[in-house]
Amino acid sequence: MTAATAVSVGTTASEGARALWTLVLVLGGAVATLAVLDAIPGWLHGEPRGVRRVATLEEAERRLQARAALPSYFPDTYVWPPATVRITREEGGAVGMTFTDRAGAPSLVYAQTLASAAPLPAGLVGRAAVIQQQSTALGDEGTLARVVA
């Protein structure tokens, strides 16, 4: 091997390493930019990823293509319609409704999964500590749980 060949091989290796480093930086920058752009809607609306706010319960049922089971008794202390209705399509779909009391303060969150027996997605109601849980007949079969979120 001559000196000219050794310099040529060394230059080619350093150019290849520089090109590889540039590729890594460009792809890393693209990944970081896309991650930030993906998170912006959640930051603006104050909702976790995958959770959408809708105007009415009927719109939630239409978007999820399933009917929500509502309680047969609705206390006079809560105001109908719900103040907020949120949906997610994770794990078969779920809906969460926040009801206010007569003074206008949020006082009840009613949430349910619509297509599966899976637990509620964490983004819909946050972390929930189960106080009481029991099996119940809601259509086929279901689980009723009282939680503190």
N, C-alpha and C. Protein backbone atom coordinates (compact mmCIF):
# COMPACT_ATOMS: atom_id res chain seq x y z
N MET A 1 0.84 -1.15 0.00
CA MET A 1 0.00 0.00 0.00
C MET A 1 0.90 1.23 0.00
N THR A 2 0.55 2.17 -0.82
CA THR A 2 1.35 3.38 -0.90
C THR A 2 0.77 4.44 0.03
N ALA A 3 1.48 5.51 0.22
CA ALA A 3 1.03 6.59 1.11
C ALA A 3 -0.22 7.26 0.55
N ALA A 4 -0.29 7.39 -0.77
CA ALA A 4 -1.45 8.04 -1.38
C ALA A 4 -2.70 7.19 -1.17
N THR A 5 -2.56 5.86 -1.25
CA THR A 5 -3.70 4.97 -1.04
C THR A 5 -4.16 5.03 0.41
N ALA A 6 -3.22 5.07 1.37
CA ALA A 6 -3.58 5.14 2.79
C ALA A 6 -4.32 6.43 3.11
N VAL A 7 -3.89 7.56 2.52
CA VAL A 7 -4.56 8.84 2.74
C VAL A 7 -5.97 8.78 2.14
N SER A 8 -6.10 8.15 0.96
CA SER A 8 -7.40 8.05 0.30
C SER A 8 -8.38 7.21 1.14
N VAL A 9 -7.92 6.10 1.70
CA VAL A 9 -8.77 5.24 2.52
C VAL A 9 -9.16 5.97 3.80
N GLY A 10 -8.22 6.67 4.43
CA GLY A 10 -8.51 7.41 5.65
C GLY A 10 -9.51 8.53 5.40
N THR A 11 -9.37 9.23 4.28
CA THR A 11 -10.29 10.31 3.94
C THR A 11 -11.68 9.76 3.66
N THR A 12 -11.75 8.64 2.95
CA THR A 12 -13.04 8.03 2.64
C THR A 12 -13.74 7.57 3.92
N ALA A 13 -13.01 7.00 4.88
CA ALA A 13 -13.59 6.55 6.13
C ALA A 13 -14.12 7.74 6.94
N SER A 14 -13.37 8.83 7.00
CA SER A 14 -13.82 9.99 7.77
C SER A 14 -15.02 10.66 7.09
N GLU A 15 -15.04 10.66 5.76
CA GLU A 15 -16.21 11.21 5.05
C GLU A 15 -17.44 10.34 5.30
N GLY A 16 -17.27 9.03 5.32
CA GLY A 16 -18.38 8.12 5.59
C GLY A 16 -18.91 8.31 7.01
N ALA A 17 -17.99 8.46 7.97
CA ALA A 17 -18.40 8.69 9.36
C ALA A 17 -19.13 10.02 9.48
N ARG A 18 -18.65 11.04 8.81
CA ARG A 18 -19.30 12.35 8.84
C ARG A 18 -20.69 12.29 8.20
N ALA A 19 -20.80 11.56 7.10
CA ALA A 19 -22.11 11.41 6.44
C ALA A 19 -23.08 10.64 7.33
N LEU A 20 -22.59 9.59 8.00
CA LEU A 20 -23.43 8.83 8.92
C LEU A 20 -23.88 9.70 10.09
N TRP A 21 -22.98 10.50 10.66
CA TRP A 21 -23.31 11.40 11.77
C TRP A 21 -24.36 12.43 11.32
N THR A 22 -24.20 12.98 10.11
CA THR A 22 -25.18 13.93 9.59
C THR A 22 -26.55 13.27 9.43
N LEU A 23 -26.58 12.04 8.93
CA LEU A 23 -27.83 11.31 8.78
C LEU A 23 -28.51 11.09 10.14
N VAL A 24 -27.73 10.71 11.15
CA VAL A 24 -28.27 10.50 12.49
C VAL A 24 -28.85 11.80 13.04
N LEU A 25 -28.15 12.91 12.85
CA LEU A 25 -28.65 14.20 13.33
C LEU A 25 -29.94 14.61 12.62
N VAL A 26 -29.99 14.44 11.31
CA VAL A 26 -31.18 14.82 10.55
C VAL A 26 -32.38 13.96 10.96
N LEU A 27 -32.20 12.64 11.05
CA LEU A 27 -33.30 11.76 11.45
C LEU A 27 -33.73 12.00 12.90
N GLY A 28 -32.76 12.23 13.78
CA GLY A 28 -33.09 12.54 15.18
C GLY A 28 -33.86 13.85 15.29
N GLY A 29 -33.46 14.85 14.52
CA GLY A 29 -34.19 16.12 14.52
C GLY A 29 -35.59 15.96 13.98
N ALA A 30 -35.76 15.14 12.95
CA ALA A 30 -37.10 14.90 12.40
C ALA A 30 -37.98 14.18 13.42
N VAL A 31 -37.44 13.20 14.12
CA VAL A 31 -38.20 12.47 15.13
C VAL A 31 -38.61 13.41 16.27
N ALA A 32 -37.70 14.24 16.74
CA ALA A 32 -38.00 15.17 17.82
C ALA A 32 -39.06 16.19 17.37
N THR A 33 -38.94 16.70 16.15
CA THR A 33 -39.91 17.67 15.64
C THR A 33 -41.30 17.05 15.53
N LEU A 34 -41.39 15.82 15.01
CA LEU A 34 -42.68 15.15 14.89
C LEU A 34 -43.29 14.84 16.25
N ALA A 35 -42.47 14.49 17.23
CA ALA A 35 -42.98 14.22 18.58
C ALA A 35 -43.57 15.49 19.20
N VAL A 36 -42.90 16.62 19.01
CA VAL A 36 -43.40 17.89 19.54
C VAL A 36 -44.69 18.28 18.83
N LEU A 37 -44.73 18.16 17.50
CA LEU A 37 -45.94 18.50 16.75
C LEU A 37 -47.11 17.60 17.13
N ASP A 38 -46.84 16.33 17.45
CA ASP A 38 -47.89 15.41 17.87
C ASP A 38 -48.45 15.78 19.24
N ALA A 39 -47.63 16.34 20.10
CA ALA A 39 -48.06 16.67 21.46
C ALA A 39 -48.76 18.02 21.56
N ILE A 40 -48.60 18.89 20.58
CA ILE A 40 -49.17 20.24 20.65
C ILE A 40 -50.69 20.25 20.82
N PRO A 41 -51.48 19.46 20.08
CA PRO A 41 -52.94 19.51 20.30
C PRO A 41 -53.34 19.19 21.74
N GLY A 42 -52.69 18.22 22.34
CA GLY A 42 -52.99 17.89 23.73
C GLY A 42 -52.65 19.03 24.68
N TRP A 43 -51.55 19.70 24.44
CA TRP A 43 -51.16 20.84 25.28
C TRP A 43 -52.16 21.98 25.13
N LEU A 44 -52.61 22.22 23.90
CA LEU A 44 -53.54 23.33 23.67
C LEU A 44 -54.91 23.07 24.28
N HIS A 45 -55.39 21.83 24.20
CA HIS A 45 -56.73 21.51 24.69
C HIS A 45 -56.74 20.99 26.11
N GLY A 46 -55.57 20.71 26.66
CA GLY A 46 -55.51 20.19 28.02
C GLY A 46 -56.00 18.76 28.16
N GLU A 47 -55.97 18.00 27.09
CA GLU A 47 -56.44 16.62 27.10
C GLU A 47 -55.26 15.69 26.79
N PRO A 48 -55.24 14.50 27.40
CA PRO A 48 -54.19 13.54 27.07
C PRO A 48 -54.35 13.02 25.64
N ARG A 49 -53.30 12.40 25.16
CA ARG A 49 -53.31 11.86 23.80
C ARG A 49 -54.42 10.82 23.65
N GLY A 50 -55.18 10.92 22.57
CA GLY A 50 -56.25 9.97 22.28
C GLY A 50 -57.60 10.35 22.85
N VAL A 51 -57.64 11.31 23.76
CA VAL A 51 -58.91 11.74 24.36
C VAL A 51 -59.40 12.96 23.62
N ARG A 52 -60.67 12.92 23.22
CA ARG A 52 -61.28 14.04 22.48
C ARG A 52 -62.50 14.54 23.23
N ARG A 53 -62.69 15.83 23.22
CA ARG A 53 -63.86 16.45 23.83
C ARG A 53 -64.92 16.60 22.73
N VAL A 54 -66.15 16.20 23.03
CA VAL A 54 -67.25 16.34 22.09
C VAL A 54 -68.35 17.17 22.74
N ALA A 55 -69.27 17.67 21.93
CA ALA A 55 -70.28 18.59 22.44
C ALA A 55 -71.38 17.90 23.25
N THR A 56 -71.83 16.73 22.80
CA THR A 56 -72.96 16.07 23.46
C THR A 56 -72.72 14.57 23.59
N LEU A 57 -73.54 13.94 24.42
CA LEU A 57 -73.49 12.49 24.56
C LEU A 57 -73.89 11.82 23.25
N GLU A 58 -74.84 12.38 22.54
CA GLU A 58 -75.27 11.81 21.27
C GLU A 58 -74.13 11.81 20.26
N GLU A 59 -73.36 12.88 20.23
CA GLU A 59 -72.21 12.93 19.33
C GLU A 59 -71.17 11.89 19.73
N ALA A 60 -70.97 11.68 21.01
CA ALA A 60 -70.02 10.66 21.49
C ALA A 60 -70.48 9.28 21.03
N GLU A 61 -71.77 8.98 21.18
CA GLU A 61 -72.29 7.68 20.75
C GLU A 61 -72.16 7.51 19.24
N ARG A 62 -72.39 8.58 18.50
CA ARG A 62 -72.27 8.50 17.04
C ARG A 62 -70.82 8.25 16.64
N ARG A 63 -69.89 8.93 17.26
CA ARG A 63 -68.47 8.75 16.90
C ARG A 63 -67.95 7.37 17.30
N LEU A 64 -68.41 6.87 18.44
CA LEU A 64 -67.94 5.56 18.91
C LEU A 64 -68.78 4.41 18.38
N GLN A 65 -69.91 4.72 17.75
CA GLN A 65 -70.83 3.73 17.19
C GLN A 65 -71.27 2.71 18.23
N ALA A 66 -71.61 3.23 19.41
CA ALA A 66 -72.11 2.39 20.50
C ALA A 66 -72.96 3.26 21.41
N ARG A 67 -73.91 2.62 22.10
CA ARG A 67 -74.78 3.34 23.02
C ARG A 67 -74.18 3.31 24.42
N ALA A 68 -74.27 4.43 25.10
CA ALA A 68 -73.83 4.51 26.49
C ALA A 68 -74.98 4.11 27.40
N ALA A 69 -74.67 3.36 28.44
CA ALA A 69 -75.68 2.97 29.41
C ALA A 69 -75.74 4.04 30.50
N LEU A 70 -76.89 4.66 30.63
CA LEU A 70 -77.06 5.71 31.63
C LEU A 70 -77.84 5.16 32.81
N PRO A 71 -77.62 5.73 33.99
CA PRO A 71 -78.38 5.26 35.16
C PRO A 71 -79.87 5.55 35.00
N SER A 72 -80.69 4.69 35.56
CA SER A 72 -82.13 4.90 35.46
C SER A 72 -82.59 6.02 36.40
N TYR A 73 -81.79 6.31 37.41
CA TYR A 73 -82.12 7.38 38.34
C TYR A 73 -81.06 8.46 38.25
N PHE A 74 -81.48 9.70 38.10
CA PHE A 74 -80.56 10.82 38.01
C PHE A 74 -80.92 11.82 39.10
N PRO A 75 -80.09 11.99 40.13
CA PRO A 75 -80.44 12.86 41.25
C PRO A 75 -80.63 14.32 40.82
N ASP A 76 -81.50 15.01 41.55
CA ASP A 76 -81.77 16.42 41.26
C ASP A 76 -80.59 17.32 41.59
N THR A 77 -79.61 16.80 42.32
CA THR A 77 -78.47 17.64 42.71
C THR A 77 -77.51 17.87 41.55
N TYR A 78 -77.61 17.09 40.48
CA TYR A 78 -76.74 17.24 39.31
C TYR A 78 -77.51 17.88 38.16
N VAL A 79 -76.79 18.60 37.32
CA VAL A 79 -77.40 19.30 36.19
C VAL A 79 -77.22 18.47 34.92
N TRP A 80 -78.32 18.28 34.20
CA TRP A 80 -78.26 17.64 32.87
C TRP A 80 -78.41 18.71 31.84
N PRO A 81 -77.69 18.75 30.76
CA PRO A 81 -76.74 17.78 30.22
C PRO A 81 -75.37 17.90 30.90
N PRO A 82 -74.50 16.93 30.66
CA PRO A 82 -73.17 16.97 31.27
C PRO A 82 -72.40 18.22 30.84
N ALA A 83 -71.58 18.73 31.74
CA ALA A 83 -70.78 19.92 31.44
C ALA A 83 -69.72 19.60 30.39
N THR A 84 -69.09 18.44 30.48
CA THR A 84 -68.11 18.00 29.48
C THR A 84 -68.34 16.54 29.15
N VAL A 85 -68.11 16.21 27.90
CA VAL A 85 -68.18 14.83 27.43
C VAL A 85 -66.88 14.56 26.71
N ARG A 86 -66.17 13.52 27.15
CA ARG A 86 -64.88 13.16 26.54
C ARG A 86 -64.94 11.71 26.08
N ILE A 87 -64.30 11.43 24.96
CA ILE A 87 -64.28 10.07 24.43
C ILE A 87 -62.85 9.66 24.11
N THR A 88 -62.65 8.36 24.04
CA THR A 88 -61.41 7.79 23.54
C THR A 88 -61.75 6.51 22.80
N ARG A 89 -60.97 6.20 21.81
CA ARG A 89 -61.20 4.97 21.04
C ARG A 89 -60.27 3.85 21.48
N GLU A 90 -59.46 4.10 22.49
CA GLU A 90 -58.54 3.08 23.00
C GLU A 90 -59.34 1.92 23.59
N GLU A 91 -58.86 0.71 23.39
CA GLU A 91 -59.43 -0.50 23.96
C GLU A 91 -60.93 -0.64 23.71
N GLY A 92 -61.38 -0.32 22.52
CA GLY A 92 -62.77 -0.51 22.15
C GLY A 92 -63.66 0.70 22.37
N GLY A 93 -63.15 1.74 22.97
CA GLY A 93 -63.92 2.96 23.15
C GLY A 93 -64.42 3.15 24.57
N ALA A 94 -64.42 4.39 25.00
CA ALA A 94 -64.92 4.73 26.32
C ALA A 94 -65.43 6.17 26.28
N VAL A 95 -66.36 6.47 27.18
CA VAL A 95 -66.91 7.81 27.27
C VAL A 95 -66.88 8.23 28.74
N GLY A 96 -66.58 9.49 28.96
CA GLY A 96 -66.58 10.05 30.31
C GLY A 96 -67.35 11.36 30.30
N MET A 97 -68.21 11.54 31.29
CA MET A 97 -69.02 12.75 31.39
C MET A 97 -68.80 13.39 32.75
N THR A 98 -68.66 14.70 32.77
CA THR A 98 -68.53 15.43 34.02
C THR A 98 -69.82 16.21 34.26
N PHE A 99 -70.44 15.97 35.41
CA PHE A 99 -71.67 16.65 35.77
C PHE A 99 -71.37 17.68 36.85
N THR A 100 -72.07 18.79 36.78
CA THR A 100 -71.92 19.83 37.80
C THR A 100 -73.10 19.78 38.75
N ASP A 101 -72.88 20.34 39.95
CA ASP A 101 -74.01 20.45 40.88
C ASP A 101 -74.77 21.74 40.57
N ARG A 102 -75.79 22.03 41.33
CA ARG A 102 -76.62 23.21 41.07
C ARG A 102 -75.84 24.51 41.21
N ALA A 103 -74.74 24.51 41.95
CA ALA A 103 -73.92 25.71 42.12
C ALA A 103 -72.94 25.89 40.95
N GLY A 104 -72.82 24.87 40.08
CA GLY A 104 -71.94 24.97 38.92
C GLY A 104 -70.57 24.35 39.12
N ALA A 105 -70.32 23.72 40.25
CA ALA A 105 -69.03 23.09 40.51
C ALA A 105 -69.05 21.63 40.03
N PRO A 106 -67.98 21.16 39.41
CA PRO A 106 -67.93 19.75 39.00
C PRO A 106 -68.04 18.85 40.22
N SER A 107 -68.96 17.88 40.18
CA SER A 107 -69.15 17.06 41.36
C SER A 107 -69.27 15.56 41.06
N LEU A 108 -69.46 15.18 39.80
CA LEU A 108 -69.58 13.76 39.47
C LEU A 108 -68.95 13.51 38.10
N VAL A 109 -68.11 12.48 38.03
CA VAL A 109 -67.58 12.01 36.75
C VAL A 109 -68.14 10.61 36.54
N TYR A 110 -68.87 10.44 35.44
CA TYR A 110 -69.46 9.16 35.08
C TYR A 110 -68.75 8.68 33.84
N ALA A 111 -68.10 7.52 33.91
CA ALA A 111 -67.33 7.02 32.77
C ALA A 111 -67.60 5.54 32.58
N GLN A 112 -67.51 5.09 31.32
CA GLN A 112 -67.72 3.68 31.02
C GLN A 112 -67.03 3.29 29.74
N THR A 113 -66.62 2.03 29.69
CA THR A 113 -66.13 1.47 28.43
C THR A 113 -67.34 1.00 27.66
N LEU A 114 -67.25 1.02 26.34
CA LEU A 114 -68.42 0.71 25.53
C LEU A 114 -68.35 -0.63 24.81
N ALA A 115 -67.16 -1.11 24.51
CA ALA A 115 -67.10 -2.31 23.67
C ALA A 115 -66.33 -3.45 24.30
N SER A 116 -65.84 -3.29 25.50
CA SER A 116 -65.07 -4.38 26.08
C SER A 116 -65.17 -4.35 27.60
N ALA A 117 -64.69 -5.39 28.23
CA ALA A 117 -64.68 -5.46 29.68
C ALA A 117 -63.38 -4.91 30.26
N ALA A 118 -62.61 -4.23 29.43
CA ALA A 118 -61.33 -3.69 29.89
C ALA A 118 -61.56 -2.53 30.85
N PRO A 119 -60.58 -2.25 31.70
CA PRO A 119 -60.73 -1.09 32.58
C PRO A 119 -60.71 0.21 31.78
N LEU A 120 -61.16 1.27 32.41
CA LEU A 120 -61.17 2.57 31.74
C LEU A 120 -59.76 2.98 31.35
N PRO A 121 -59.58 3.54 30.16
CA PRO A 121 -58.26 4.05 29.78
C PRO A 121 -57.83 5.15 30.75
N ALA A 122 -56.57 5.15 31.12
CA ALA A 122 -56.07 6.07 32.14
C ALA A 122 -56.25 7.54 31.75
N GLY A 123 -56.15 7.86 30.48
CA GLY A 123 -56.27 9.25 30.06
C GLY A 123 -57.66 9.83 30.17
N LEU A 124 -58.67 8.97 30.27
CA LEU A 124 -60.05 9.45 30.30
C LEU A 124 -60.42 10.05 31.65
N VAL A 125 -60.03 9.41 32.73
CA VAL A 125 -60.38 9.91 34.07
C VAL A 125 -59.16 10.11 34.96
N GLY A 126 -57.98 9.89 34.46
CA GLY A 126 -56.79 9.98 35.30
C GLY A 126 -56.63 8.71 36.12
N ARG A 127 -55.78 8.77 37.11
CA ARG A 127 -55.61 7.60 37.98
C ARG A 127 -56.83 7.47 38.87
N ALA A 128 -57.37 6.28 38.91
CA ALA A 128 -58.58 6.05 39.69
C ALA A 128 -58.31 5.01 40.77
N ALA A 129 -58.63 5.35 42.00
CA ALA A 129 -58.52 4.40 43.11
C ALA A 129 -59.90 3.79 43.34
N VAL A 130 -60.00 2.49 43.20
CA VAL A 130 -61.28 1.79 43.31
C VAL A 130 -61.68 1.70 44.78
N ILE A 131 -62.89 2.19 45.09
CA ILE A 131 -63.44 2.12 46.44
C ILE A 131 -64.29 0.86 46.58
N GLN A 132 -65.13 0.60 45.59
CA GLN A 132 -66.05 -0.54 45.62
C GLN A 132 -66.22 -1.04 44.20
N GLN A 133 -66.29 -2.37 44.04
CA GLN A 133 -66.44 -2.95 42.71
C GLN A 133 -67.33 -4.19 42.81
N GLN A 134 -68.24 -4.34 41.83
CA GLN A 134 -69.12 -5.50 41.82
C GLN A 134 -69.54 -5.81 40.40
N SER A 135 -69.85 -7.08 40.14
CA SER A 135 -70.38 -7.49 38.84
C SER A 135 -71.83 -7.09 38.75
N THR A 136 -72.26 -6.75 37.54
CA THR A 136 -73.64 -6.33 37.35
C THR A 136 -74.09 -6.71 35.94
N ALA A 137 -75.39 -6.74 35.73
CA ALA A 137 -75.93 -7.05 34.41
C ALA A 137 -76.23 -5.74 33.69
N LEU A 138 -75.36 -5.37 32.77
CA LEU A 138 -75.56 -4.21 31.90
C LEU A 138 -75.55 -4.74 30.48
N GLY A 139 -76.71 -5.09 29.95
CA GLY A 139 -76.74 -5.75 28.66
C GLY A 139 -76.30 -7.18 28.88
N ASP A 140 -75.06 -7.51 28.57
CA ASP A 140 -74.53 -8.86 28.78
C ASP A 140 -74.02 -9.00 30.21
N GLU A 141 -72.90 -8.37 30.48
CA GLU A 141 -72.29 -8.44 31.80
C GLU A 141 -71.38 -7.25 31.94
N GLY A 142 -71.24 -6.74 33.13
CA GLY A 142 -70.39 -5.60 33.34
C GLY A 142 -69.87 -5.54 34.75
N THR A 143 -69.05 -4.55 35.01
CA THR A 143 -68.52 -4.32 36.34
C THR A 143 -68.81 -2.88 36.71
N LEU A 144 -69.43 -2.69 37.84
CA LEU A 144 -69.71 -1.38 38.36
C LEU A 144 -68.67 -1.08 39.42
N ALA A 145 -68.00 0.06 39.28
CA ALA A 145 -66.96 0.42 40.25
C ALA A 145 -67.14 1.85 40.67
N ARG A 146 -67.05 2.09 41.97
CA ARG A 146 -67.00 3.44 42.50
C ARG A 146 -65.54 3.76 42.73
N VAL A 147 -65.10 4.87 42.18
CA VAL A 147 -63.68 5.21 42.26
C VAL A 147 -63.50 6.67 42.68
N VAL A 148 -62.32 6.97 43.16
CA VAL A 148 -61.92 8.34 43.42
C VAL A 148 -60.82 8.65 42.41
N ALA A 149 -61.05 9.66 41.59
CA ALA A 149 -60.07 10.00 40.55
C ALA A 149 -59.39 11.31 40.88
